[in-house]
Structures are given as C-alpha cells and as structure tokens.
C-alpha cells in the first residue's frame, strides 16, 4: 500500500523510479510466504517494528 498518492499519480511515480536507477531491493527487509502473512500483519500492531524494511509476500507461481 502506498499512502498519500492518488491512482492517477502512479504512472509518473513509477516512471521516476524506473529512470532514477534506485535499487528498490535494498528497501526489502524480508520475503515471506503467503502462509506467513497473518503473523507479519499481527507484528505491524506493535508500536516499534520488529525489523527494518518492507516485507514482501511472495506468491507461489502456477
């Protein structure tokens, strides 16, 4: 989820990210399975995050 950005602003934001050369992989704190998602969501209720970075839920490939 991205806060404070409207849907019509996404193309410009994604274009900026693409052109900037930002390494978005450095923002990822961990990758989890869909089965681990409920526990990860529960961790978000804590006042202090358990870990730094974005948590990415990886879905199984068909």
PDB file of N, CA and C in Angstrom:
ATOM      1  N   UNK A   1       0.836  -1.169   0.000  1.00  0.00           N
ATOM      2  CA  UNK A   1       0.000   0.000   0.000  1.00  0.00           C
ATOM      3  C   UNK A   1       0.886   1.239   0.000  1.00  0.00           C
ATOM      4  N   UNK A   2       0.535   2.209  -0.800  1.00  0.00           N
ATOM      5  CA  UNK A   2       1.233   3.479  -0.817  1.00  0.00           C
ATOM      6  C   UNK A   2       0.302   4.538  -0.260  1.00  0.00           C
ATOM      7  N   UNK A   3       0.782   5.291   0.674  1.00  0.00           N
ATOM      8  CA  UNK A   3      -0.044   6.327   1.287  1.00  0.00           C
ATOM      9  C   UNK A   3       0.153   7.657   0.576  1.00  0.00           C
ATOM     10  N   UNK A   4      -0.893   8.442   0.604  1.00  0.00           N
ATOM     11  CA  UNK A   4      -0.853   9.827   0.124  1.00  0.00           C
ATOM     12  C   UNK A   4      -0.525   9.972  -1.358  1.00  0.00           C
ATOM     13  N   UNK A   5      -0.830   8.976  -2.146  1.00  0.00           N
ATOM     14  CA  UNK A   5      -0.661   9.112  -3.595  1.00  0.00           C
ATOM     15  C   UNK A   5      -1.937   8.596  -4.250  1.00  0.00           C
ATOM     16  N   UNK A   6      -2.434   9.389  -5.172  1.00  0.00           N
ATOM     17  CA  UNK A   6      -3.664   9.019  -5.857  1.00  0.00           C
ATOM     18  C   UNK A   6      -3.346   8.131  -7.056  1.00  0.00           C
ATOM     19  N   UNK A   7      -4.327   7.346  -7.457  1.00  0.00           N
ATOM     20  CA  UNK A   7      -4.126   6.379  -8.540  1.00  0.00           C
ATOM     21  C   UNK A   7      -3.591   7.025  -9.812  1.00  0.00           C
ATOM     22  N   UNK A   8      -4.059   8.219 -10.147  1.00  0.00           N
ATOM     23  CA  UNK A   8      -3.604   8.851 -11.390  1.00  0.00           C
ATOM     24  C   UNK A   8      -2.142   9.307 -11.309  1.00  0.00           C
ATOM     25  N   UNK A   9      -1.561   9.315 -10.107  1.00  0.00           N
ATOM     26  CA  UNK A   9      -0.168   9.732  -9.942  1.00  0.00           C
ATOM     27  C   UNK A   9       0.818   8.558 -10.050  1.00  0.00           C
ATOM     28  N   UNK A  10       0.305   7.341 -10.040  1.00  0.00           N
ATOM     29  CA  UNK A  10       1.177   6.174 -10.089  1.00  0.00           C
ATOM     30  C   UNK A  10       2.068   6.125 -11.335  1.00  0.00           C
ATOM     31  N   UNK A  11       1.549   6.361 -12.535  1.00  0.00           N
ATOM     32  CA  UNK A  11       2.433   6.278 -13.708  1.00  0.00           C
ATOM     33  C   UNK A  11       3.649   7.196 -13.598  1.00  0.00           C
ATOM     34  N   UNK A  12       3.468   8.418 -13.142  1.00  0.00           N
ATOM     35  CA  UNK A  12       4.600   9.340 -13.007  1.00  0.00           C
ATOM     36  C   UNK A  12       5.571   8.859 -11.937  1.00  0.00           C
ATOM     37  N   UNK A  13       5.043   8.340 -10.827  1.00  0.00           N
ATOM     38  CA  UNK A  13       5.899   7.848  -9.760  1.00  0.00           C
ATOM     39  C   UNK A  13       6.718   6.650 -10.231  1.00  0.00           C
ATOM     40  N   UNK A  14       6.059   5.710 -10.916  1.00  0.00           N
ATOM     41  CA  UNK A  14       6.773   4.535 -11.404  1.00  0.00           C
ATOM     42  C   UNK A  14       7.792   4.897 -12.474  1.00  0.00           C
ATOM     43  N   UNK A  15       7.474   5.872 -13.296  1.00  0.00           N
ATOM     44  CA  UNK A  15       8.433   6.355 -14.295  1.00  0.00           C
ATOM     45  C   UNK A  15       9.653   6.951 -13.609  1.00  0.00           C
ATOM     46  N   UNK A  16       9.428   7.722 -12.551  1.00  0.00           N
ATOM     47  CA  UNK A  16      10.536   8.300 -11.796  1.00  0.00           C
ATOM     48  C   UNK A  16      11.426   7.205 -11.218  1.00  0.00           C
ATOM     49  N   UNK A  17      10.812   6.208 -10.617  1.00  0.00           N
ATOM     50  CA  UNK A  17      11.580   5.116 -10.018  1.00  0.00           C
ATOM     51  C   UNK A  17      12.395   4.397 -11.092  1.00  0.00           C
ATOM     52  N   UNK A  18      11.792   4.155 -12.230  1.00  0.00           N
ATOM     53  CA  UNK A  18      12.486   3.478 -13.324  1.00  0.00           C
ATOM     54  C   UNK A  18      13.679   4.297 -13.818  1.00  0.00           C
ATOM     55  N   UNK A  19      13.461   5.599 -14.021  1.00  0.00           N
ATOM     56  CA  UNK A  19      14.527   6.457 -14.550  1.00  0.00           C
ATOM     57  C   UNK A  19      15.616   6.756 -13.527  1.00  0.00           C
ATOM     58  N   UNK A  20      15.279   6.754 -12.248  1.00  0.00           N
ATOM     59  CA  UNK A  20      16.229   7.174 -11.217  1.00  0.00           C
ATOM     60  C   UNK A  20      17.329   6.158 -10.957  1.00  0.00           C
ATOM     61  N   UNK A  21      17.080   4.903 -11.288  1.00  0.00           N
ATOM     62  CA  UNK A  21      18.070   3.879 -11.014  1.00  0.00           C
ATOM     63  C   UNK A  21      18.102   3.458  -9.549  1.00  0.00           C
ATOM     64  N   UNK A  22      17.064   3.805  -8.802  1.00  0.00           N
ATOM     65  CA  UNK A  22      17.001   3.400  -7.398  1.00  0.00           C
ATOM     66  C   UNK A  22      17.025   1.884  -7.283  1.00  0.00           C
ATOM     67  N   UNK A  23      17.767   1.373  -6.326  1.00  0.00           N
ATOM     68  CA  UNK A  23      17.809  -0.062  -6.078  1.00  0.00           C
ATOM     69  C   UNK A  23      16.745  -0.377  -5.035  1.00  0.00           C
ATOM     70  N   UNK A  24      15.535  -0.703  -5.486  1.00  0.00           N
ATOM     71  CA  UNK A  24      14.431  -0.954  -4.574  1.00  0.00           C
ATOM     72  C   UNK A  24      14.653  -2.212  -3.742  1.00  0.00           C
ATOM     73  N   UNK A  25      15.493  -3.099  -4.216  1.00  0.00           N
ATOM     74  CA  UNK A  25      15.801  -4.301  -3.465  1.00  0.00           C
ATOM     75  C   UNK A  25      16.415  -4.006  -2.106  1.00  0.00           C
ATOM     76  N   UNK A  26      17.076  -2.880  -1.990  1.00  0.00           N
ATOM     77  CA  UNK A  26      17.693  -2.511  -0.710  1.00  0.00           C
ATOM     78  C   UNK A  26      16.654  -2.124   0.335  1.00  0.00           C
ATOM     79  N   UNK A  27      15.421  -1.852  -0.090  1.00  0.00           N
ATOM     80  CA  UNK A  27      14.358  -1.495   0.841  1.00  0.00           C
ATOM     81  C   UNK A  27      13.666  -2.716   1.434  1.00  0.00           C
ATOM     82  N   UNK A  28      13.891  -3.880   0.824  1.00  0.00           N
ATOM     83  CA  UNK A  28      13.219  -5.103   1.265  1.00  0.00           C
ATOM     84  C   UNK A  28      13.927  -5.644   2.499  1.00  0.00           C
ATOM     85  N   UNK A  29      13.160  -5.761   3.590  1.00  0.00           N
ATOM     86  CA  UNK A  29      13.712  -6.310   4.812  1.00  0.00           C
ATOM     87  C   UNK A  29      13.649  -7.822   4.845  1.00  0.00           C
ATOM     88  N   UNK A  30      12.565  -8.366   4.296  1.00  0.00           N
ATOM     89  CA  UNK A  30      12.421  -9.816   4.243  1.00  0.00           C
ATOM     90  C   UNK A  30      11.366 -10.196   3.224  1.00  0.00           C
ATOM     91  N   UNK A  31      11.444 -11.437   2.813  1.00  0.00           N
ATOM     92  CA  UNK A  31      10.458 -12.026   1.902  1.00  0.00           C
ATOM     93  C   UNK A  31       9.808 -13.181   2.642  1.00  0.00           C
ATOM     94  N   UNK A  32       8.486 -13.242   2.561  1.00  0.00           N
ATOM     95  CA  UNK A  32       7.760 -14.285   3.272  1.00  0.00           C
ATOM     96  C   UNK A  32       6.761 -14.954   2.339  1.00  0.00           C
ATOM     97  N   UNK A  33       6.277 -16.112   2.780  1.00  0.00           N
ATOM     98  CA  UNK A  33       5.251 -16.808   2.015  1.00  0.00           C
ATOM     99  C   UNK A  33       3.878 -16.268   2.412  1.00  0.00           C
ATOM    100  N   UNK A  34       2.888 -16.621   1.635  1.00  0.00           N
ATOM    101  CA  UNK A  34       1.521 -16.207   1.937  1.00  0.00           C
ATOM    102  C   UNK A  34       1.070 -16.780   3.283  1.00  0.00           C
ATOM    103  N   UNK A  35       1.535 -17.959   3.618  1.00  0.00           N
ATOM    104  CA  UNK A  35       1.189 -18.569   4.910  1.00  0.00           C
ATOM    105  C   UNK A  35       1.733 -17.765   6.088  1.00  0.00           C
ATOM    106  N   UNK A  36       2.819 -17.041   5.886  1.00  0.00           N
ATOM    107  CA  UNK A  36       3.429 -16.245   6.951  1.00  0.00           C
ATOM    108  C   UNK A  36       2.815 -14.849   7.082  1.00  0.00           C
ATOM    109  N   UNK A  37       1.966 -14.479   6.131  1.00  0.00           N
ATOM    110  CA  UNK A  37       1.406 -13.125   6.098  1.00  0.00           C
ATOM    111  C   UNK A  37       0.581 -12.758   7.339  1.00  0.00           C
ATOM    112  N   UNK A  38      -0.287 -13.645   7.862  1.00  0.00           N
ATOM    113  CA  UNK A  38      -1.063 -13.257   9.047  1.00  0.00           C
ATOM    114  C   UNK A  38      -0.180 -12.864  10.237  1.00  0.00           C
ATOM    115  N   UNK A  39       0.878 -13.618  10.488  1.00  0.00           N
ATOM    116  CA  UNK A  39       1.780 -13.281  11.597  1.00  0.00           C
ATOM    117  C   UNK A  39       2.498 -11.962  11.328  1.00  0.00           C
ATOM    118  N   UNK A  40       2.873 -11.729  10.068  1.00  0.00           N
ATOM    119  CA  UNK A  40       3.539 -10.471   9.725  1.00  0.00           C
ATOM    120  C   UNK A  40       2.596  -9.289   9.928  1.00  0.00           C
ATOM    121  N   UNK A  41       1.329  -9.465   9.584  1.00  0.00           N
ATOM    122  CA  UNK A  41       0.349  -8.392   9.805  1.00  0.00           C
ATOM    123  C   UNK A  41       0.159  -8.136  11.294  1.00  0.00           C
ATOM    124  N   UNK A  42       0.142  -9.182  12.095  1.00  0.00           N
ATOM    125  CA  UNK A  42      -0.001  -9.018  13.536  1.00  0.00           C
ATOM    126  C   UNK A  42       1.194  -8.253  14.111  1.00  0.00           C
ATOM    127  N   UNK A  43       2.394  -8.482  13.573  1.00  0.00           N
ATOM    128  CA  UNK A  43       3.586  -7.754  14.024  1.00  0.00           C
ATOM    129  C   UNK A  43       3.455  -6.254  13.788  1.00  0.00           C
ATOM    130  N   UNK A  44       2.685  -5.869  12.785  1.00  0.00           N
ATOM    131  CA  UNK A  44       2.533  -4.443  12.458  1.00  0.00           C
ATOM    132  C   UNK A  44       1.745  -3.687  13.518  1.00  0.00           C
ATOM    133  N   UNK A  45       1.091  -4.403  14.422  1.00  0.00           N
ATOM    134  CA  UNK A  45       0.348  -3.765  15.509  1.00  0.00           C
ATOM    135  C   UNK A  45       1.260  -3.263  16.616  1.00  0.00           C
ATOM    136  N   UNK A  46       2.486  -3.724  16.629  1.00  0.00           N
ATOM    137  CA  UNK A  46       3.429  -3.319  17.673  1.00  0.00           C
ATOM    138  C   UNK A  46       3.841  -1.871  17.477  1.00  0.00           C
ATOM    139  N   UNK A  47       4.069  -1.141  18.584  1.00  0.00           N
ATOM    140  CA  UNK A  47       4.473   0.267  18.452  1.00  0.00           C
ATOM    141  C   UNK A  47       5.856   0.444  17.840  1.00  0.00           C
ATOM    142  N   UNK A  48       6.726  -0.552  18.013  1.00  0.00           N
ATOM    143  CA  UNK A  48       8.069  -0.498  17.434  1.00  0.00           C
ATOM    144  C   UNK A  48       8.205  -1.687  16.490  1.00  0.00           C
ATOM    145  N   UNK A  49       8.563  -1.422  15.234  1.00  0.00           N
ATOM    146  CA  UNK A  49       8.670  -2.527  14.272  1.00  0.00           C
ATOM    147  C   UNK A  49       9.678  -3.578  14.724  1.00  0.00           C
ATOM    148  N   UNK A  50       9.363  -4.837  14.439  1.00  0.00           N
ATOM    149  CA  UNK A  50      10.252  -5.943  14.794  1.00  0.00           C
ATOM    150  C   UNK A  50      11.511  -5.950  13.933  1.00  0.00           C
ATOM    151  N   UNK A  51      11.405  -5.392  12.729  1.00  0.00           N
ATOM    152  CA  UNK A  51      12.553  -5.374  11.812  1.00  0.00           C
ATOM    153  C   UNK A  51      12.396  -4.208  10.841  1.00  0.00           C
ATOM    154  N   UNK A  52      13.508  -3.845  10.261  1.00  0.00           N
ATOM    155  CA  UNK A  52      13.502  -2.731   9.307  1.00  0.00           C
ATOM    156  C   UNK A  52      13.208  -3.241   7.906  1.00  0.00           C
ATOM    157  N   UNK A  53      12.699  -2.363   7.075  1.00  0.00           N
ATOM    158  CA  UNK A  53      12.478  -2.679   5.674  1.00  0.00           C
ATOM    159  C   UNK A  53      11.065  -3.122   5.382  1.00  0.00           C
ATOM    160  N   UNK A  54      10.792  -3.228   4.105  1.00  0.00           N
ATOM    161  CA  UNK A  54       9.485  -3.637   3.608  1.00  0.00           C
ATOM    162  C   UNK A  54       9.427  -5.157   3.593  1.00  0.00           C
ATOM    163  N   UNK A  55       8.298  -5.713   3.997  1.00  0.00           N
ATOM    164  CA  UNK A  55       8.090  -7.154   3.905  1.00  0.00           C
ATOM    165  C   UNK A  55       7.346  -7.445   2.605  1.00  0.00           C
ATOM    166  N   UNK A  56       7.910  -8.325   1.805  1.00  0.00           N
ATOM    167  CA  UNK A  56       7.317  -8.703   0.523  1.00  0.00           C
ATOM    168  C   UNK A  56       6.740 -10.100   0.656  1.00  0.00           C
ATOM    169  N   UNK A  57       5.454 -10.236   0.313  1.00  0.00           N
ATOM    170  CA  UNK A  57       4.809 -11.544   0.323  1.00  0.00           C
ATOM    171  C   UNK A  57       4.959 -12.139  -1.073  1.00  0.00           C
ATOM    172  N   UNK A  58       5.636 -13.264  -1.145  1.00  0.00           N
ATOM    173  CA  UNK A  58       5.846 -13.920  -2.435  1.00  0.00           C
ATOM    174  C   UNK A  58       4.791 -14.985  -2.625  1.00  0.00           C
ATOM    175  N   UNK A  59       4.058 -14.876  -3.704  1.00  0.00           N
ATOM    176  CA  UNK A  59       3.001 -15.834  -4.028  1.00  0.00           C
ATOM    177  C   UNK A  59       3.589 -16.985  -4.820  1.00  0.00           C
ATOM    178  N   UNK A  60       3.050 -18.195  -4.620  1.00  0.00           N
ATOM    179  CA  UNK A  60       3.549 -19.337  -5.397  1.00  0.00           C
ATOM    180  C   UNK A  60       3.254 -19.146  -6.876  1.00  0.00           C
ATOM    181  N   UNK A  61       4.173 -19.575  -7.669  1.00  0.00           N
ATOM    182  CA  UNK A  61       3.976 -19.483  -9.136  1.00  0.00           C
ATOM    183  C   UNK A  61       3.199 -20.692  -9.607  1.00  0.00           C
ATOM    184  N   UNK A  62       2.244 -20.454 -10.520  1.00  0.00           N
ATOM    185  CA  UNK A  62       1.453 -21.590 -11.033  1.00  0.00           C
ATOM    186  C   UNK A  62       2.279 -22.541 -11.858  1.00  0.00           C
TER     187      UNK A  62
END
